[in-house]
Amino acid sequence: MLWRFALALCLALAAPAAAQERAPATALVVLETALGDITLEIETGRAPVTAANFLRYVDERRFDGIVFYRAMRLDWGEQPNGLIQGGTQYDPKRVLPPIAHEPTSLTGVLHTAGAISMARYEPGSATGDFSIMLSDQPGLDADPLSEDPDIKAGFAAFGHVLAGMDVVRAIFDAPTDPAKGEGWMKGQMLAEPVVILRARRVDGSGSE
């Protein structure tokens, strides 16, 4: 009988540790683009607000037919260096209301190579546009010590590419039009945007 008590005690003590080691919840999404598929792991556990917003666009088919339209190429550091951007581009038939900002200092989801992050103007203005990093972009992470509110907030990363970085690279390498774009984004717009044919969950949790 004593050994049964000892076993039960060991299991009871081990249970909390096992729960702590359990990986945060995620959801898988495939973006089927004209250049191939990109599989994303969305951090529903660590970035619940941002992840829920992205998944709503997926589930409501608001991403079907949108495009990757921008390739920001940085000429410093290890190459390729920069990001690609796509989304609803404020199309009134597709766009949903802005969401609350989730800083990386809160979520722990950082702008490493392959990370997906919400595009925005000021913090709290993100809707249906997003970027995928070609390389580590720590400058997009929140800097709680900064006196600049924009830098302090950073951008909201909420997942990463699980498969298809070759497709991301192909989009990044696509020709840009030097006459397209406004302000500091001029010259970063793709001459022929890459269509996202459809976006779907692949973990069985979304509608088909």
C-alpha atoms as a PDB file:
ATOM      1  CA  MET A   1       0.000   0.000   0.000  1.00  0.00           C
ATOM      2  CA  LEU A   2       2.875   2.335   0.775  1.00  0.00           C
ATOM      3  CA  TRP A   3       4.229   2.077  -2.743  1.00  0.00           C
ATOM      4  CA  ARG A   4       0.824   3.038  -4.164  1.00  0.00           C
ATOM      5  CA  PHE A   5       0.772   6.153  -2.003  1.00  0.00           C
ATOM      6  CA  ALA A   6       4.305   7.052  -3.109  1.00  0.00           C
ATOM      7  CA  LEU A   7       3.384   6.566  -6.776  1.00  0.00           C
ATOM      8  CA  ALA A   8       0.265   8.718  -6.437  1.00  0.00           C
ATOM      9  CA  LEU A   9       2.297  11.429  -4.733  1.00  0.00           C
ATOM     10  CA  CYS A  10       4.917  11.387  -7.509  1.00  0.00           C
ATOM     11  CA  LEU A  11       2.227  11.677 -10.184  1.00  0.00           C
ATOM     12  CA  ALA A  12       0.556  14.555  -8.362  1.00  0.00           C
ATOM     13  CA  LEU A  13       3.841  16.438  -8.082  1.00  0.00           C
ATOM     14  CA  ALA A  14       4.747  15.759 -11.699  1.00  0.00           C
ATOM     15  CA  ALA A  15       1.425  16.973 -13.127  1.00  0.00           C
ATOM     16  CA  PRO A  16       1.993  20.744 -12.585  1.00  0.00           C
ATOM     17  CA  ALA A  17       5.489  20.515 -14.062  1.00  0.00           C
ATOM     18  CA  ALA A  18       4.154  18.692 -17.123  1.00  0.00           C
ATOM     19  CA  ALA A  19       1.465  21.332 -17.580  1.00  0.00           C
ATOM     20  CA  GLN A  20       4.075  24.099 -17.444  1.00  0.00           C
ATOM     21  CA  GLU A  21       6.184  22.353 -20.078  1.00  0.00           C
ATOM     22  CA  ARG A  22       3.228  21.933 -22.433  1.00  0.00           C
ATOM     23  CA  ALA A  23       3.660  24.039 -25.563  1.00  0.00           C
ATOM     24  CA  PRO A  24       1.392  27.098 -25.978  1.00  0.00           C
ATOM     25  CA  ALA A  25      -1.667  26.575 -28.166  1.00  0.00           C
ATOM     26  CA  THR A  26      -1.279  27.207 -31.892  1.00  0.00           C
ATOM     27  CA  ALA A  27      -3.308  26.884 -35.090  1.00  0.00           C
ATOM     28  CA  LEU A  28      -2.035  26.017 -38.555  1.00  0.00           C
ATOM     29  CA  VAL A  29      -2.995  28.041 -41.635  1.00  0.00           C
ATOM     30  CA  VAL A  30      -1.998  27.501 -45.256  1.00  0.00           C
ATOM     31  CA  LEU A  31      -1.811  30.460 -47.639  1.00  0.00           C
ATOM     32  CA  GLU A  32      -2.180  29.039 -51.141  1.00  0.00           C
ATOM     33  CA  THR A  33      -0.423  31.607 -53.340  1.00  0.00           C
ATOM     34  CA  ALA A  34       0.182  31.782 -57.069  1.00  0.00           C
ATOM     35  CA  LEU A  35       3.824  30.863 -56.354  1.00  0.00           C
ATOM     36  CA  GLY A  36       3.146  28.010 -53.913  1.00  0.00           C
ATOM     37  CA  ASP A  37       1.939  27.314 -50.391  1.00  0.00           C
ATOM     38  CA  ILE A  38       3.042  28.982 -47.156  1.00  0.00           C
ATOM     39  CA  THR A  39       2.173  27.148 -43.932  1.00  0.00           C
ATOM     40  CA  LEU A  40       1.878  29.347 -40.853  1.00  0.00           C
ATOM     41  CA  GLU A  41       1.823  28.413 -37.174  1.00  0.00           C
ATOM     42  CA  ILE A  42      -0.374  30.996 -35.452  1.00  0.00           C
ATOM     43  CA  GLU A  43       0.251  31.656 -31.743  1.00  0.00           C
ATOM     44  CA  THR A  44      -3.286  31.490 -30.365  1.00  0.00           C
ATOM     45  CA  GLY A  45      -1.989  30.924 -26.835  1.00  0.00           C
ATOM     46  CA  ARG A  46       0.659  33.621 -26.598  1.00  0.00           C
ATOM     47  CA  ALA A  47      -0.917  36.289 -28.840  1.00  0.00           C
ATOM     48  CA  PRO A  48      -4.659  35.580 -28.487  1.00  0.00           C
ATOM     49  CA  VAL A  49      -6.039  38.920 -29.696  1.00  0.00           C
ATOM     50  CA  THR A  50      -3.872  39.181 -32.802  1.00  0.00           C
ATOM     51  CA  ALA A  51      -4.190  35.484 -33.626  1.00  0.00           C
ATOM     52  CA  ALA A  52      -7.984  35.562 -33.288  1.00  0.00           C
ATOM     53  CA  ASN A  53      -8.149  38.531 -35.653  1.00  0.00           C
ATOM     54  CA  PHE A  54      -6.024  36.787 -38.299  1.00  0.00           C
ATOM     55  CA  LEU A  55      -8.018  33.550 -37.982  1.00  0.00           C
ATOM     56  CA  ARG A  56     -11.291  35.430 -38.347  1.00  0.00           C
ATOM     57  CA  TYR A  57     -10.084  36.777 -41.692  1.00  0.00           C
ATOM     58  CA  VAL A  58      -9.155  33.224 -42.674  1.00  0.00           C
ATOM     59  CA  ASP A  59     -12.420  31.633 -41.513  1.00  0.00           C
ATOM     60  CA  GLU A  60     -14.582  34.297 -43.156  1.00  0.00           C
ATOM     61  CA  ARG A  61     -12.680  33.921 -46.462  1.00  0.00           C
ATOM     62  CA  ARG A  62     -11.610  37.570 -46.339  1.00  0.00           C
ATOM     63  CA  PHE A  63      -8.078  36.636 -47.437  1.00  0.00           C
ATOM     64  CA  ASP A  64      -9.193  34.686 -50.520  1.00  0.00           C
ATOM     65  CA  GLY A  65      -8.035  36.668 -53.549  1.00  0.00           C
ATOM     66  CA  ILE A  66      -5.913  39.263 -51.726  1.00  0.00           C
ATOM     67  CA  VAL A  67      -2.271  39.826 -52.709  1.00  0.00           C
ATOM     68  CA  PHE A  68       1.249  40.198 -51.434  1.00  0.00           C
ATOM     69  CA  TYR A  69       1.991  43.662 -52.757  1.00  0.00           C
ATOM     70  CA  ARG A  70       5.217  44.828 -51.100  1.00  0.00           C
ATOM     71  CA  ALA A  71       8.825  43.695 -50.689  1.00  0.00           C
ATOM     72  CA  MET A  72      10.899  45.831 -48.322  1.00  0.00           C
ATOM     73  CA  ARG A  73      14.554  45.096 -49.094  1.00  0.00           C
ATOM     74  CA  LEU A  74      17.239  46.289 -46.706  1.00  0.00           C
ATOM     75  CA  ASP A  75      20.704  46.603 -48.227  1.00  0.00           C
ATOM     76  CA  TRP A  76      22.590  46.108 -44.956  1.00  0.00           C
ATOM     77  CA  GLY A  77      23.347  42.985 -42.936  1.00  0.00           C
ATOM     78  CA  GLU A  78      23.139  39.371 -43.996  1.00  0.00           C
ATOM     79  CA  GLN A  79      21.021  38.857 -47.090  1.00  0.00           C
ATOM     80  CA  PRO A  80      18.160  38.434 -47.756  1.00  0.00           C
ATOM     81  CA  ASN A  81      17.185  41.147 -45.305  1.00  0.00           C
ATOM     82  CA  GLY A  82      13.701  42.617 -45.124  1.00  0.00           C
ATOM     83  CA  LEU A  83      10.079  41.517 -45.319  1.00  0.00           C
ATOM     84  CA  ILE A  84       7.112  40.987 -47.593  1.00  0.00           C
ATOM     85  CA  GLN A  85       3.671  42.444 -46.966  1.00  0.00           C
ATOM     86  CA  GLY A  86       0.174  41.490 -48.024  1.00  0.00           C
ATOM     87  CA  GLY A  87      -3.404  41.874 -46.921  1.00  0.00           C
ATOM     88  CA  THR A  88      -6.777  43.469 -47.462  1.00  0.00           C
ATOM     89  CA  GLN A  89      -5.402  46.967 -48.130  1.00  0.00           C
ATOM     90  CA  TYR A  90      -8.439  48.538 -46.409  1.00  0.00           C
ATOM     91  CA  ASP A  91     -10.856  47.052 -48.958  1.00  0.00           C
ATOM     92  CA  PRO A  92     -14.238  47.956 -47.384  1.00  0.00           C
ATOM     93  CA  LYS A  93     -15.673  44.591 -48.433  1.00  0.00           C
ATOM     94  CA  ARG A  94     -12.951  42.722 -46.562  1.00  0.00           C
ATOM     95  CA  VAL A  95     -11.584  44.818 -43.711  1.00  0.00           C
ATOM     96  CA  LEU A  96     -12.655  44.316 -40.090  1.00  0.00           C
ATOM     97  CA  PRO A  97     -12.403  46.840 -37.232  1.00  0.00           C
ATOM     98  CA  PRO A  98      -8.923  47.543 -35.789  1.00  0.00           C
ATOM     99  CA  ILE A  99      -7.713  45.408 -32.897  1.00  0.00           C
ATOM    100  CA  ALA A 100      -5.935  46.114 -29.627  1.00  0.00           C
ATOM    101  CA  HIS A 101      -2.149  46.078 -29.857  1.00  0.00           C
ATOM    102  CA  GLU A 102      -0.270  43.102 -28.358  1.00  0.00           C
ATOM    103  CA  PRO A 103       3.417  44.057 -27.914  1.00  0.00           C
ATOM    104  CA  THR A 104       6.159  41.471 -28.164  1.00  0.00           C
ATOM    105  CA  SER A 105       7.161  42.349 -24.604  1.00  0.00           C
ATOM    106  CA  LEU A 106       3.822  40.866 -23.526  1.00  0.00           C
ATOM    107  CA  THR A 107       3.527  37.905 -25.924  1.00  0.00           C
ATOM    108  CA  GLY A 108       7.146  36.834 -26.272  1.00  0.00           C
ATOM    109  CA  VAL A 109       6.572  36.245 -30.011  1.00  0.00           C
ATOM    110  CA  LEU A 110       9.541  38.023 -31.590  1.00  0.00           C
ATOM    111  CA  HIS A 111      10.359  39.257 -35.085  1.00  0.00           C
ATOM    112  CA  THR A 112      12.737  36.467 -36.004  1.00  0.00           C
ATOM    113  CA  ALA A 113      13.242  35.143 -39.548  1.00  0.00           C
ATOM    114  CA  GLY A 114       9.937  33.691 -40.745  1.00  0.00           C
ATOM    115  CA  ALA A 115       7.801  35.555 -38.194  1.00  0.00           C
ATOM    116  CA  ILE A 116       4.415  36.925 -39.275  1.00  0.00           C
ATOM    117  CA  SER A 117       3.407  40.296 -37.856  1.00  0.00           C
ATOM    118  CA  MET A 118       0.556  42.765 -38.222  1.00  0.00           C
ATOM    119  CA  ALA A 119       1.082  45.856 -40.337  1.00  0.00           C
ATOM    120  CA  ARG A 120      -0.210  49.077 -38.775  1.00  0.00           C
ATOM    121  CA  TYR A 121       0.071  52.831 -38.574  1.00  0.00           C
ATOM    122  CA  GLU A 122      -0.174  53.784 -34.892  1.00  0.00           C
ATOM    123  CA  PRO A 123      -0.511  51.071 -32.212  1.00  0.00           C
ATOM    124  CA  GLY A 124      -4.061  49.754 -32.135  1.00  0.00           C
ATOM    125  CA  SER A 125      -4.757  50.396 -35.837  1.00  0.00           C
ATOM    126  CA  ALA A 126      -3.984  46.910 -37.249  1.00  0.00           C
ATOM    127  CA  THR A 127      -6.723  45.344 -39.365  1.00  0.00           C
ATOM    128  CA  GLY A 128      -6.095  42.881 -42.205  1.00  0.00           C
ATOM    129  CA  ASP A 129      -2.572  43.554 -43.482  1.00  0.00           C
ATOM    130  CA  PHE A 130       0.460  41.572 -42.356  1.00  0.00           C
ATOM    131  CA  SER A 131       4.178  41.068 -42.997  1.00  0.00           C
ATOM    132  CA  ILE A 132       6.478  38.040 -43.075  1.00  0.00           C
ATOM    133  CA  MET A 133      10.119  38.504 -42.072  1.00  0.00           C
ATOM    134  CA  LEU A 134      12.904  37.292 -44.364  1.00  0.00           C
ATOM    135  CA  SER A 135      15.407  37.795 -41.560  1.00  0.00           C
ATOM    136  CA  ASP A 136      15.537  38.723 -37.887  1.00  0.00           C
ATOM    137  CA  GLN A 137      14.074  42.208 -37.383  1.00  0.00           C
ATOM    138  CA  PRO A 138      14.584  43.017 -33.684  1.00  0.00           C
ATOM    139  CA  GLY A 139      13.919  46.689 -34.410  1.00  0.00           C
ATOM    140  CA  LEU A 140      10.239  45.770 -34.848  1.00  0.00           C
ATOM    141  CA  ASP A 141      10.022  44.272 -31.358  1.00  0.00           C
ATOM    142  CA  ALA A 142       8.650  46.377 -28.507  1.00  0.00           C
ATOM    143  CA  ASP A 143      11.211  48.464 -26.611  1.00  0.00           C
ATOM    144  CA  PRO A 144       9.647  49.191 -23.196  1.00  0.00           C
ATOM    145  CA  LEU A 145      12.493  51.595 -22.334  1.00  0.00           C
ATOM    146  CA  SER A 146      11.991  53.841 -25.358  1.00  0.00           C
ATOM    147  CA  GLU A 147      10.499  57.310 -24.920  1.00  0.00           C
ATOM    148  CA  ASP A 148       9.005  57.105 -28.429  1.00  0.00           C
ATOM    149  CA  PRO A 149       5.490  55.611 -28.073  1.00  0.00           C
ATOM    150  CA  ASP A 150       5.725  53.940 -31.485  1.00  0.00           C
ATOM    151  CA  ILE A 151       9.060  52.245 -30.759  1.00  0.00           C
ATOM    152  CA  LYS A 152       7.949  51.405 -27.249  1.00  0.00           C
ATOM    153  CA  ALA A 153       4.916  49.538 -28.637  1.00  0.00           C
ATOM    154  CA  GLY A 154       6.712  47.881 -31.552  1.00  0.00           C
ATOM    155  CA  PHE A 155       4.752  45.665 -33.914  1.00  0.00           C
ATOM    156  CA  ALA A 156       2.609  42.649 -33.046  1.00  0.00           C
ATOM    157  CA  ALA A 157       4.176  39.371 -34.181  1.00  0.00           C
ATOM    158  CA  PHE A 158       1.788  36.440 -33.784  1.00  0.00           C
ATOM    159  CA  GLY A 159       3.267  33.375 -35.484  1.00  0.00           C
ATOM    160  CA  HIS A 160       5.871  32.077 -37.900  1.00  0.00           C
ATOM    161  CA  VAL A 161       6.326  30.211 -41.165  1.00  0.00           C
ATOM    162  CA  LEU A 162       6.373  26.455 -40.603  1.00  0.00           C
ATOM    163  CA  ALA A 163       6.918  25.563 -44.273  1.00  0.00           C
ATOM    164  CA  GLY A 164       7.225  27.532 -47.498  1.00  0.00           C
ATOM    165  CA  MET A 165      10.049  29.991 -46.835  1.00  0.00           C
ATOM    166  CA  ASP A 166      11.137  29.284 -50.418  1.00  0.00           C
ATOM    167  CA  VAL A 167       7.805  30.774 -51.526  1.00  0.00           C
ATOM    168  CA  VAL A 168       8.318  33.766 -49.221  1.00  0.00           C
ATOM    169  CA  ARG A 169      11.757  34.253 -50.808  1.00  0.00           C
ATOM    170  CA  ALA A 170      10.298  34.013 -54.323  1.00  0.00           C
ATOM    171  CA  ILE A 171       7.794  36.754 -53.478  1.00  0.00           C
ATOM    172  CA  PHE A 172      10.577  38.836 -51.933  1.00  0.00           C
ATOM    173  CA  ASP A 173      12.673  38.452 -55.099  1.00  0.00           C
ATOM    174  CA  ALA A 174       9.839  39.390 -57.477  1.00  0.00           C
ATOM    175  CA  PRO A 175      10.392  42.615 -59.478  1.00  0.00           C
ATOM    176  CA  THR A 176       9.275  45.894 -57.927  1.00  0.00           C
ATOM    177  CA  ASP A 177       8.026  48.993 -59.725  1.00  0.00           C
ATOM    178  CA  PRO A 178      10.183  52.066 -58.934  1.00  0.00           C
ATOM    179  CA  ALA A 179       7.225  54.359 -59.660  1.00  0.00           C
ATOM    180  CA  LYS A 180       4.724  52.644 -57.356  1.00  0.00           C
ATOM    181  CA  GLY A 181       4.212  53.447 -53.686  1.00  0.00           C
ATOM    182  CA  GLU A 182       4.157  56.624 -51.641  1.00  0.00           C
ATOM    183  CA  GLY A 183       6.696  58.251 -49.343  1.00  0.00           C
ATOM    184  CA  TRP A 184       9.374  55.950 -47.957  1.00  0.00           C
ATOM    185  CA  MET A 185       7.575  52.915 -49.431  1.00  0.00           C
ATOM    186  CA  LYS A 186       8.040  54.164 -52.979  1.00  0.00           C
ATOM    187  CA  GLY A 187       9.865  51.534 -55.022  1.00  0.00           C
ATOM    188  CA  GLN A 188       8.913  48.717 -52.625  1.00  0.00           C
ATOM    189  CA  MET A 189       5.662  47.751 -54.377  1.00  0.00           C
ATOM    190  CA  LEU A 190       5.682  44.606 -56.492  1.00  0.00           C
ATOM    191  CA  ALA A 191       5.259  45.231 -60.198  1.00  0.00           C
ATOM    192  CA  GLU A 192       2.919  42.226 -60.307  1.00  0.00           C
ATOM    193  CA  PRO A 193       1.424  41.474 -56.882  1.00  0.00           C
ATOM    194  CA  VAL A 194       1.323  37.792 -55.930  1.00  0.00           C
ATOM    195  CA  VAL A 195      -2.212  36.518 -55.411  1.00  0.00           C
ATOM    196  CA  ILE A 196      -3.224  34.544 -52.320  1.00  0.00           C
ATOM    197  CA  LEU A 197      -5.706  32.207 -53.955  1.00  0.00           C
ATOM    198  CA  ARG A 198      -7.124  31.102 -50.633  1.00  0.00           C
ATOM    199  CA  ALA A 199      -6.288  30.823 -46.937  1.00  0.00           C
ATOM    200  CA  ARG A 200      -7.450  27.862 -44.844  1.00  0.00           C
ATOM    201  CA  ARG A 201      -6.889  26.314 -41.447  1.00  0.00           C
ATOM    202  CA  VAL A 202      -5.407  22.837 -41.642  1.00  0.00           C
ATOM    203  CA  ASP A 203      -5.788  21.781 -37.992  1.00  0.00           C
ATOM    204  CA  GLY A 204      -9.470  20.900 -38.229  1.00  0.00           C
ATOM    205  CA  SER A 205     -10.561  23.775 -35.991  1.00  0.00           C
ATOM    206  CA  GLY A 206     -11.889  26.045 -38.705  1.00  0.00           C
ATOM    207  CA  SER A 207     -14.717  25.760 -41.202  1.00  0.00           C
ATOM    208  CA  GLU A 208     -14.033  24.287 -44.625  1.00  0.00           C
END
